[in-house]
Amino acid sequence: MDQILVFGTLLALIVAGAPIFLALGASGLLGLFLARGQLALALAPSSLFGQLSSFELIALPLFILMGFVLVETPIGKDLFRAAAYWLNWLRGGLAISSVGACSVFGAMSGVSIAGVAAVGALAVPEMLDRGYSRSLAAGSVVTAGALAMLIPPSVPFIIYSAVSGVSIAQLFIGGILPGLALAFAFSVFINIRATLSPHEAPKSTEAVSWGERFASLGRVWHALVLMAIVLGSIYTGLATPTEASAVGALGAFLIAGFVYRTLSWASAWRVVRSSLTVCAAILLIMGAARVFGDYLNLVRIPQTIASYALALEVPPEVVFMFIMLLLIGLGMFVDAASLIVVTTPILLPLVTALGYDPLWFGIILVMNLEIAVVTPPVGLNLYTLRGVCPFLSIEEIIRSSIPFVLIQVLVMMIFVLFPSLGLWLPNLLY
């Protein structure tokens, strides 16, 4: 009965529109009180601060700051133009260029909405001016922006690492292959779609010289160097993810301030304020989720769920498919950070009991979150693209994302059915 009351309180607060950290914290405190009385409430402060005192979590605000600083520069536009010059011979080249630009921007920021905003502001109007269909233009940007969640440095991976204890560096490495696979799948789909429906993506008649192509790389080399330094230092073991995040944030400020000269005192303050707002929201959620997680462990709910699932006479794959459906359904209503911190303490014991690797589950979880950010009603990428492209209605952005979401599901199922594929690169390097 106590557990029903606790979960009922959590759902009631969420439905009532209360902030997710408040819903988690209040439900967790209620549960601790009902389970062990007033003395159990003393666990809450130590749980909250214990969750937030992790050294690895320092990387979270720094990578977010890095992303927000880069949004203040025209680097997203330069990446798109460089890709467009190199792919102008290809059917659907501009849309594929959007995918490539979002992938590279994601490898520098780790923030999904930052990629959509930085690339979409130029890419969508450019495609529409060249005769591309509104559906292809919007869909290619809004879904490719989600690649920032998977291609390192990834903010969701940092959160999952803090909750689960899995190595951030291994998660970063594990996200490379799925991220590239999704980008490749999007590009192949765009090319096939443009070939079968030429009116959606007219072939470019503009002649681009090799000199122009190499000159376009000259406008993005500093960003590529920054990406190589940050990720290379992590993969080679020269720096921890936390140390690399500090280098990345400093490099982003140098690019914005001295290369592009777009960073004024006013914009710098705006960047810091926006970064602090996002970080504070995520950290509050993580701290409150730890309190709720301690209640769950105190009454052994994760262990009970795992025991019940193992007692079912069904293959582990069937149980995991139900988990996947649950995550996709929850992702339509709960933001990515909240979904990680709420579901991981409950599902991870079950997943490990089924014989799956926690590292692999983290990769699959983030691939689920990529779908969540482009599905209504809480798909942040949808509203971000609407904000930078107000001539597009939210309804047509949602419709444009549907075929790309199906591609995401297909690629994710490949990594679900073949777990060794997702673990191949981490096992190779570690």
Protein backbone atom coordinates (compact mmCIF):
# COMPACT_ATOMS: atom_id res chain seq x y z
CA MET A 1 0.00 0.00 0.00
CA ASP A 2 2.85 2.39 0.84
CA GLN A 3 4.44 1.80 -2.56
CA ILE A 4 1.15 2.55 -4.33
CA LEU A 5 0.89 5.79 -2.39
CA VAL A 6 4.47 6.81 -3.30
CA PHE A 7 4.12 6.06 -7.02
CA GLY A 8 0.65 7.64 -7.04
CA THR A 9 2.15 10.81 -5.58
CA LEU A 10 4.88 10.81 -8.22
CA LEU A 11 2.43 10.41 -11.10
CA ALA A 12 -0.01 12.95 -9.65
CA LEU A 13 2.70 15.60 -9.34
CA ILE A 14 3.95 14.95 -12.87
CA VAL A 15 0.43 15.10 -14.33
CA ALA A 16 -0.24 18.29 -12.36
CA GLY A 17 2.74 19.90 -14.11
CA ALA A 18 5.10 20.05 -11.14
CA PRO A 19 8.83 20.22 -11.97
CA ILE A 20 10.22 16.72 -12.31
CA PHE A 21 12.82 17.30 -9.57
CA LEU A 22 10.06 18.31 -7.16
CA ALA A 23 7.96 15.27 -8.07
CA LEU A 24 10.92 12.91 -7.57
CA GLY A 25 12.16 14.55 -4.39
CA ALA A 26 8.76 14.76 -2.71
CA SER A 27 7.88 11.17 -3.64
CA GLY A 28 11.27 9.93 -2.46
CA LEU A 29 10.98 11.73 0.89
CA LEU A 30 7.46 10.37 1.37
CA GLY A 31 8.65 6.87 0.60
CA LEU A 32 11.63 7.08 2.99
CA PHE A 33 9.36 8.34 5.76
CA LEU A 34 6.79 5.59 5.21
CA ALA A 35 9.48 2.90 5.02
CA ARG A 36 11.68 3.81 7.99
CA GLY A 37 10.19 6.82 9.73
CA GLN A 38 11.87 10.13 10.55
CA LEU A 39 15.35 8.66 10.87
CA ALA A 40 15.28 7.62 7.18
CA LEU A 41 14.80 11.25 6.19
CA ALA A 42 18.39 11.88 7.26
CA LEU A 43 19.43 9.83 4.21
CA ALA A 44 18.01 12.42 1.82
CA PRO A 45 20.61 15.22 2.18
CA SER A 46 23.55 12.81 2.04
CA SER A 47 22.03 11.08 -1.00
CA LEU A 48 21.48 14.35 -2.84
CA PHE A 49 24.94 15.77 -2.20
CA GLY A 50 26.59 12.39 -2.68
CA GLN A 51 25.12 12.19 -6.17
CA LEU A 52 26.26 15.69 -7.10
CA SER A 53 29.77 15.51 -5.61
CA SER A 54 31.06 13.11 -8.26
CA PHE A 55 34.25 14.38 -9.92
CA GLU A 56 33.07 13.09 -13.31
CA LEU A 57 30.01 15.35 -13.17
CA ILE A 58 32.22 18.41 -13.62
CA ALA A 59 32.30 17.46 -17.31
CA LEU A 60 28.55 18.05 -17.57
CA PRO A 61 28.47 21.87 -17.16
CA LEU A 62 31.69 22.29 -19.14
CA PHE A 63 30.48 20.36 -22.19
CA ILE A 64 27.14 22.19 -22.03
CA LEU A 65 29.02 25.50 -21.83
CA MET A 66 31.12 24.43 -24.82
CA GLY A 67 27.96 23.78 -26.85
CA PHE A 68 26.30 27.07 -25.96
CA VAL A 69 29.46 29.03 -26.80
CA LEU A 70 29.69 27.41 -30.24
CA VAL A 71 26.04 28.26 -30.92
CA GLU A 72 27.08 31.92 -30.66
CA THR A 73 29.37 31.43 -33.67
CA PRO A 74 28.51 30.74 -37.32
CA ILE A 75 30.32 27.39 -37.11
CA GLY A 76 27.09 25.49 -37.82
CA LYS A 77 26.60 27.46 -41.04
CA ASP A 78 30.23 26.97 -42.07
CA LEU A 79 30.00 23.23 -41.48
CA PHE A 80 26.86 23.06 -43.60
CA ARG A 81 28.42 25.09 -46.43
CA ALA A 82 31.57 22.97 -46.40
CA ALA A 83 29.53 19.77 -46.58
CA ALA A 84 27.32 21.24 -49.31
CA TYR A 85 30.34 22.10 -51.46
CA TRP A 86 31.75 18.60 -51.15
CA LEU A 87 28.42 16.82 -51.73
CA ASN A 88 26.84 19.06 -54.38
CA TRP A 89 27.24 16.28 -56.98
CA LEU A 90 25.08 13.91 -54.96
CA ARG A 91 21.30 13.66 -55.27
CA GLY A 92 19.89 15.10 -52.04
CA GLY A 93 23.32 16.53 -51.27
CA LEU A 94 22.08 19.51 -49.26
CA ALA A 95 19.98 17.32 -46.96
CA ILE A 96 22.89 14.90 -46.55
CA SER A 97 25.08 17.92 -45.81
CA SER A 98 22.69 18.81 -43.00
CA VAL A 99 23.16 15.34 -41.52
CA GLY A 100 26.95 15.68 -41.78
CA ALA A 101 26.99 19.18 -40.27
CA CYS A 102 24.78 18.07 -37.35
CA SER A 103 27.04 15.06 -36.78
CA VAL A 104 30.20 17.16 -36.60
CA PHE A 105 28.52 19.84 -34.50
CA GLY A 106 27.29 17.10 -32.17
CA ALA A 107 30.87 15.89 -31.79
CA MET A 108 31.77 19.36 -30.52
CA SER A 109 28.84 20.18 -28.28
CA GLY A 110 26.94 17.10 -27.05
CA VAL A 111 23.73 19.15 -26.91
CA SER A 112 20.95 18.08 -29.26
CA ILE A 113 19.03 21.34 -29.52
CA ALA A 114 22.27 23.26 -30.11
CA GLY A 115 22.90 21.32 -33.33
CA VAL A 116 19.35 21.85 -34.57
CA ALA A 117 19.55 25.58 -33.89
CA ALA A 118 23.05 26.10 -35.29
CA VAL A 119 22.56 24.11 -38.51
CA GLY A 120 18.82 24.47 -39.07
CA ALA A 121 18.83 28.26 -39.16
CA LEU A 122 20.77 28.20 -42.46
CA ALA A 123 20.24 24.71 -43.85
CA VAL A 124 16.44 24.66 -44.01
CA PRO A 125 16.02 28.04 -45.78
CA GLU A 126 18.90 27.13 -48.13
CA MET A 127 17.25 23.82 -49.09
CA LEU A 128 13.87 25.47 -49.62
CA ASP A 129 15.48 28.12 -51.87
CA ARG A 130 17.03 25.31 -53.94
CA GLY A 131 13.65 23.64 -54.46
CA TYR A 132 13.80 20.96 -51.78
CA SER A 133 10.52 19.83 -50.28
CA ARG A 134 9.64 21.23 -46.88
CA SER A 135 9.29 17.70 -45.53
CA LEU A 136 12.78 16.58 -46.55
CA ALA A 137 14.39 19.84 -45.45
CA ALA A 138 12.81 19.84 -41.99
CA GLY A 139 13.06 16.09 -41.38
CA SER A 140 16.75 15.85 -42.23
CA VAL A 141 17.69 18.57 -39.72
CA VAL A 142 15.36 17.86 -36.82
CA THR A 143 16.36 14.19 -36.57
CA ALA A 144 20.06 14.60 -37.40
CA GLY A 145 20.34 17.14 -34.58
CA ALA A 146 19.62 14.27 -32.17
CA LEU A 147 22.94 12.65 -33.16
CA ALA A 148 24.60 14.99 -30.64
CA MET A 149 23.11 12.81 -27.92
CA LEU A 150 24.98 9.75 -29.17
CA ILE A 151 28.15 11.04 -30.82
CA PRO A 152 30.59 12.01 -28.05
CA PRO A 153 30.93 14.18 -26.09
CA SER A 154 27.36 13.27 -25.07
CA VAL A 155 25.54 14.90 -22.18
CA PRO A 156 23.15 11.91 -21.75
CA PHE A 157 26.15 9.58 -21.48
CA ILE A 158 27.59 11.74 -18.69
CA ILE A 159 24.29 11.58 -16.80
CA TYR A 160 23.97 7.82 -17.30
CA SER A 161 27.55 7.34 -16.10
CA ALA A 162 26.86 9.31 -12.92
CA VAL A 163 23.73 7.24 -12.19
CA SER A 164 25.05 3.80 -13.20
CA GLY A 165 28.78 3.99 -12.49
CA VAL A 166 29.73 2.94 -16.04
CA SER A 167 32.90 4.62 -17.37
CA ILE A 168 32.25 7.85 -19.28
CA ALA A 169 35.17 7.15 -21.61
CA GLN A 170 33.79 3.71 -22.53
CA LEU A 171 30.33 5.17 -23.10
CA PHE A 172 31.81 7.85 -25.36
CA ILE A 173 33.65 5.21 -27.38
CA GLY A 174 30.56 3.02 -27.50
CA GLY A 175 28.49 5.85 -28.96
CA ILE A 176 30.72 6.36 -32.01
CA LEU A 177 29.64 3.36 -34.10
CA PRO A 178 25.85 3.74 -33.50
CA GLY A 179 26.13 7.47 -34.19
CA LEU A 180 27.94 6.96 -37.46
CA ALA A 181 25.54 4.15 -38.39
CA LEU A 182 22.56 6.45 -37.89
CA ALA A 183 24.17 9.25 -39.89
CA PHE A 184 24.94 6.80 -42.72
CA ALA A 185 21.40 5.39 -42.63
CA PHE A 186 19.89 8.89 -42.79
CA SER A 187 22.13 9.76 -45.74
CA VAL A 188 21.27 6.57 -47.67
CA PHE A 189 17.56 7.14 -47.06
CA ILE A 190 17.81 10.74 -48.27
CA ASN A 191 19.67 9.70 -51.42
CA ILE A 192 17.16 6.94 -52.23
CA ARG A 193 14.22 9.24 -51.52
CA ALA A 194 15.68 12.00 -53.69
CA THR A 195 16.37 9.51 -56.51
CA LEU A 196 12.84 8.10 -56.44
CA SER A 197 11.21 11.52 -56.02
CA PRO A 198 13.44 14.03 -57.86
CA HIS A 199 10.95 16.86 -57.25
CA GLU A 200 11.77 16.67 -53.52
CA ALA A 201 15.47 17.32 -54.05
CA PRO A 202 16.44 18.84 -57.44
CA LYS A 203 19.99 18.00 -58.49
CA SER A 204 22.36 20.91 -58.09
CA THR A 205 23.43 22.63 -61.30
CA GLU A 206 25.94 24.86 -59.53
CA ALA A 207 29.56 24.16 -60.45
CA VAL A 208 31.87 24.04 -57.46
CA SER A 209 35.61 24.05 -58.04
CA TRP A 210 38.10 22.06 -55.99
CA GLY A 211 39.53 25.36 -54.81
CA GLU A 212 36.18 26.35 -53.33
CA ARG A 213 35.86 22.99 -51.66
CA PHE A 214 39.24 23.22 -49.96
CA ALA A 215 38.61 26.86 -49.09
CA SER A 216 35.43 25.81 -47.27
CA LEU A 217 37.51 23.51 -45.07
CA GLY A 218 39.64 26.50 -44.16
CA ARG A 219 36.61 28.00 -42.40
CA VAL A 220 36.04 24.98 -40.15
CA TRP A 221 39.54 23.62 -39.49
CA HIS A 222 39.70 25.12 -36.00
CA ALA A 223 36.48 23.37 -35.00
CA LEU A 224 37.75 20.07 -36.35
CA VAL A 225 41.03 20.52 -34.46
CA LEU A 226 39.11 21.25 -31.25
CA MET A 227 37.01 18.12 -31.75
CA ALA A 228 40.13 16.03 -32.38
CA ILE A 229 41.89 17.39 -29.27
CA VAL A 230 38.91 16.83 -26.96
CA LEU A 231 37.98 13.35 -28.18
CA GLY A 232 41.55 12.28 -28.99
CA SER A 233 42.76 13.11 -25.48
CA ILE A 234 39.98 10.97 -24.00
CA TYR A 235 40.45 7.98 -26.29
CA THR A 236 44.22 7.93 -25.96
CA GLY A 237 44.08 8.26 -22.18
CA LEU A 238 45.96 11.56 -22.12
CA ALA A 239 43.09 13.22 -20.28
CA THR A 240 39.99 12.24 -18.38
CA PRO A 241 36.61 13.32 -19.81
CA THR A 242 36.48 15.98 -17.10
CA GLU A 243 39.86 17.42 -18.08
CA ALA A 244 38.98 17.22 -21.77
CA SER A 245 35.73 19.10 -21.13
CA ALA A 246 37.72 21.99 -19.62
CA VAL A 247 39.95 22.08 -22.71
CA GLY A 248 36.86 21.98 -24.93
CA ALA A 249 35.17 24.86 -23.12
CA LEU A 250 38.35 26.97 -23.29
CA GLY A 251 38.79 26.13 -26.98
CA ALA A 252 35.20 27.11 -27.73
CA PHE A 253 35.74 30.50 -26.07
CA LEU A 254 38.93 31.01 -28.10
CA ILE A 255 37.15 30.14 -31.35
CA ALA A 256 34.21 32.42 -30.57
CA GLY A 257 36.31 35.28 -29.25
CA PHE A 258 39.38 35.32 -31.51
CA VAL A 259 38.50 33.39 -34.68
CA TYR A 260 34.93 34.49 -35.31
CA ARG A 261 34.99 37.52 -32.99
CA THR A 262 31.30 37.03 -32.17
CA LEU A 263 31.65 36.91 -28.39
CA SER A 264 30.95 40.19 -26.63
CA TRP A 265 30.55 40.70 -22.90
CA ALA A 266 26.77 40.63 -23.35
CA SER A 267 26.79 37.40 -25.36
CA ALA A 268 29.31 35.81 -22.98
CA TRP A 269 27.02 36.57 -20.05
CA ARG A 270 24.05 35.18 -22.01
CA VAL A 271 25.98 31.98 -22.73
CA VAL A 272 27.04 31.51 -19.11
CA ARG A 273 23.53 32.22 -17.85
CA SER A 274 21.93 29.77 -20.29
CA SER A 275 24.48 27.09 -19.45
CA LEU A 276 23.96 27.57 -15.72
CA THR A 277 20.19 27.34 -16.14
CA VAL A 278 20.40 24.06 -18.05
CA CYS A 279 23.03 22.59 -15.69
CA ALA A 280 21.10 23.59 -12.57
CA ALA A 281 17.95 21.95 -13.92
CA ILE A 282 19.77 18.71 -14.76
CA LEU A 283 21.66 18.56 -11.45
CA LEU A 284 18.49 19.20 -9.44
CA ILE A 285 16.81 16.34 -11.27
CA MET A 286 19.79 14.05 -10.67
CA GLY A 287 19.93 14.87 -6.95
CA ALA A 288 16.20 14.36 -6.45
CA ALA A 289 16.31 11.16 -8.48
CA ARG A 290 19.02 9.80 -6.17
CA VAL A 291 16.69 10.36 -3.20
CA PHE A 292 13.92 8.53 -5.02
CA GLY A 293 16.37 5.81 -6.05
CA ASP A 294 17.43 5.28 -2.44
CA TYR A 295 13.79 4.69 -1.53
CA LEU A 296 13.49 2.16 -4.35
CA ASN A 297 16.57 0.30 -3.13
CA LEU A 298 15.42 0.48 0.48
CA VAL A 299 12.19 -1.38 -0.33
CA ARG A 300 13.98 -3.53 -2.99
CA ILE A 301 11.68 -2.61 -5.86
CA PRO A 302 14.35 -3.07 -8.61
CA GLN A 303 15.29 -6.47 -7.20
CA THR A 304 11.65 -7.50 -6.99
CA ILE A 305 11.02 -6.50 -10.60
CA ALA A 306 14.13 -8.38 -11.71
CA SER A 307 13.10 -11.52 -9.82
CA TYR A 308 9.60 -11.39 -11.29
CA ALA A 309 10.88 -10.92 -14.83
CA LEU A 310 13.37 -13.77 -14.48
CA ALA A 311 10.60 -16.04 -13.21
CA LEU A 312 8.65 -15.54 -16.42
CA GLU A 313 9.09 -18.35 -18.90
CA VAL A 314 9.98 -16.06 -21.79
CA PRO A 315 13.33 -15.36 -23.52
CA PRO A 316 15.33 -12.37 -22.24
CA GLU A 317 14.89 -10.74 -25.66
CA VAL A 318 11.12 -10.57 -25.13
CA VAL A 319 11.51 -8.90 -21.74
CA PHE A 320 13.96 -6.40 -23.21
CA MET A 321 11.55 -5.58 -26.03
CA PHE A 322 8.96 -4.63 -23.41
CA ILE A 323 11.59 -2.42 -21.78
CA MET A 324 12.22 -0.76 -25.15
CA LEU A 325 8.52 -0.08 -25.69
CA LEU A 326 8.33 1.38 -22.18
CA LEU A 327 11.29 3.70 -22.83
CA ILE A 328 9.90 4.89 -26.17
CA GLY A 329 6.49 5.54 -24.60
CA LEU A 330 7.95 7.41 -21.62
CA GLY A 331 10.23 9.39 -23.92
CA MET A 332 7.19 10.95 -25.56
CA PHE A 333 6.25 12.61 -22.27
CA VAL A 334 9.46 12.91 -20.20
CA ASP A 335 12.63 14.81 -21.14
CA ALA A 336 15.85 12.90 -21.72
CA ALA A 337 17.69 13.80 -18.51
CA SER A 338 14.68 12.95 -16.35
CA LEU A 339 14.12 9.67 -18.16
CA ILE A 340 17.70 8.54 -17.54
CA VAL A 341 17.73 9.33 -13.84
CA VAL A 342 14.24 7.92 -13.20
CA THR A 343 14.45 4.66 -15.16
CA THR A 344 18.10 3.64 -14.74
CA PRO A 345 17.90 2.70 -11.02
CA ILE A 346 14.83 0.57 -11.76
CA LEU A 347 15.76 -1.00 -15.09
CA LEU A 348 19.52 -1.50 -14.78
CA PRO A 349 19.29 -4.31 -12.17
CA LEU A 350 16.73 -6.05 -14.38
CA VAL A 351 18.85 -5.62 -17.51
CA THR A 352 21.98 -6.97 -15.82
CA ALA A 353 19.99 -9.87 -14.36
CA LEU A 354 18.91 -10.73 -17.90
CA GLY A 355 22.59 -11.03 -18.81
CA TYR A 356 23.07 -7.75 -20.67
CA ASP A 357 26.06 -5.44 -20.29
CA PRO A 358 25.39 -2.10 -18.46
CA LEU A 359 27.59 -0.34 -21.05
CA TRP A 360 25.50 -1.77 -23.89
CA PHE A 361 22.27 -0.80 -22.11
CA GLY A 362 23.52 2.78 -21.79
CA ILE A 363 24.07 2.94 -25.55
CA ILE A 364 20.60 1.53 -26.28
CA LEU A 365 19.03 3.87 -23.72
CA VAL A 366 20.53 6.93 -25.41
CA MET A 367 19.41 5.64 -28.82
CA ASN A 368 15.90 5.54 -27.35
CA LEU A 369 16.33 9.12 -26.16
CA GLU A 370 17.24 10.18 -29.69
CA ILE A 371 13.78 9.07 -30.72
CA ALA A 372 12.25 10.83 -27.70
CA VAL A 373 13.58 14.29 -28.65
CA VAL A 374 11.82 14.16 -32.04
CA THR A 375 8.47 12.73 -30.91
CA PRO A 376 5.66 14.88 -29.53
CA PRO A 377 4.48 16.18 -27.18
CA VAL A 378 7.85 16.80 -25.44
CA GLY A 379 10.18 16.52 -28.44
CA LEU A 380 12.55 19.44 -27.80
CA ASN A 381 14.13 19.26 -31.26
CA LEU A 382 10.73 19.84 -32.86
CA TYR A 383 10.19 23.10 -31.00
CA THR A 384 13.81 24.19 -31.46
CA LEU A 385 13.50 23.91 -35.25
CA ARG A 386 10.17 25.72 -35.08
CA GLY A 387 11.92 28.52 -33.18
CA VAL A 388 14.71 29.02 -35.74
CA CYS A 389 12.41 28.38 -38.75
CA PRO A 390 9.11 30.06 -37.83
CA PHE A 391 7.80 29.65 -41.39
CA LEU A 392 7.42 25.91 -40.65
CA SER A 393 4.41 24.78 -38.62
CA ILE A 394 4.94 22.34 -35.77
CA GLU A 395 2.54 19.92 -37.50
CA GLU A 396 4.61 19.69 -40.68
CA ILE A 397 7.84 19.36 -38.68
CA ILE A 398 6.32 16.39 -36.84
CA ARG A 399 5.14 14.80 -40.11
CA SER A 400 8.55 15.34 -41.70
CA SER A 401 10.28 13.48 -38.85
CA ILE A 402 8.18 10.29 -39.11
CA PRO A 403 10.20 8.47 -41.83
CA PHE A 404 13.46 9.42 -40.14
CA VAL A 405 12.17 8.14 -36.79
CA LEU A 406 11.43 4.81 -38.48
CA ILE A 407 15.06 4.76 -39.65
CA GLN A 408 16.16 5.40 -36.05
CA VAL A 409 14.05 2.50 -34.80
CA LEU A 410 15.44 0.19 -37.49
CA VAL A 411 19.08 1.01 -36.69
CA MET A 412 18.42 0.72 -32.97
CA MET A 413 16.90 -2.74 -33.45
CA ILE A 414 20.06 -3.87 -35.23
CA PHE A 415 22.14 -2.92 -32.17
CA VAL A 416 19.55 -4.55 -29.88
CA LEU A 417 19.58 -7.84 -31.78
CA PHE A 418 23.39 -7.85 -32.07
CA PRO A 419 24.75 -6.56 -28.72
CA SER A 420 28.34 -7.39 -29.68
CA LEU A 421 28.09 -4.75 -32.42
CA GLY A 422 27.65 -1.97 -29.86
CA LEU A 423 30.42 -3.31 -27.64
CA TRP A 424 32.91 -4.01 -30.38
CA LEU A 425 34.72 -0.67 -30.32
CA PRO A 426 34.93 -0.32 -26.50
CA ASN A 427 36.22 -3.90 -26.24
CA LEU A 428 38.76 -3.17 -28.95
CA LEU A 429 40.17 -0.12 -27.20
CA TYR A 430 39.87 -1.30 -23.57
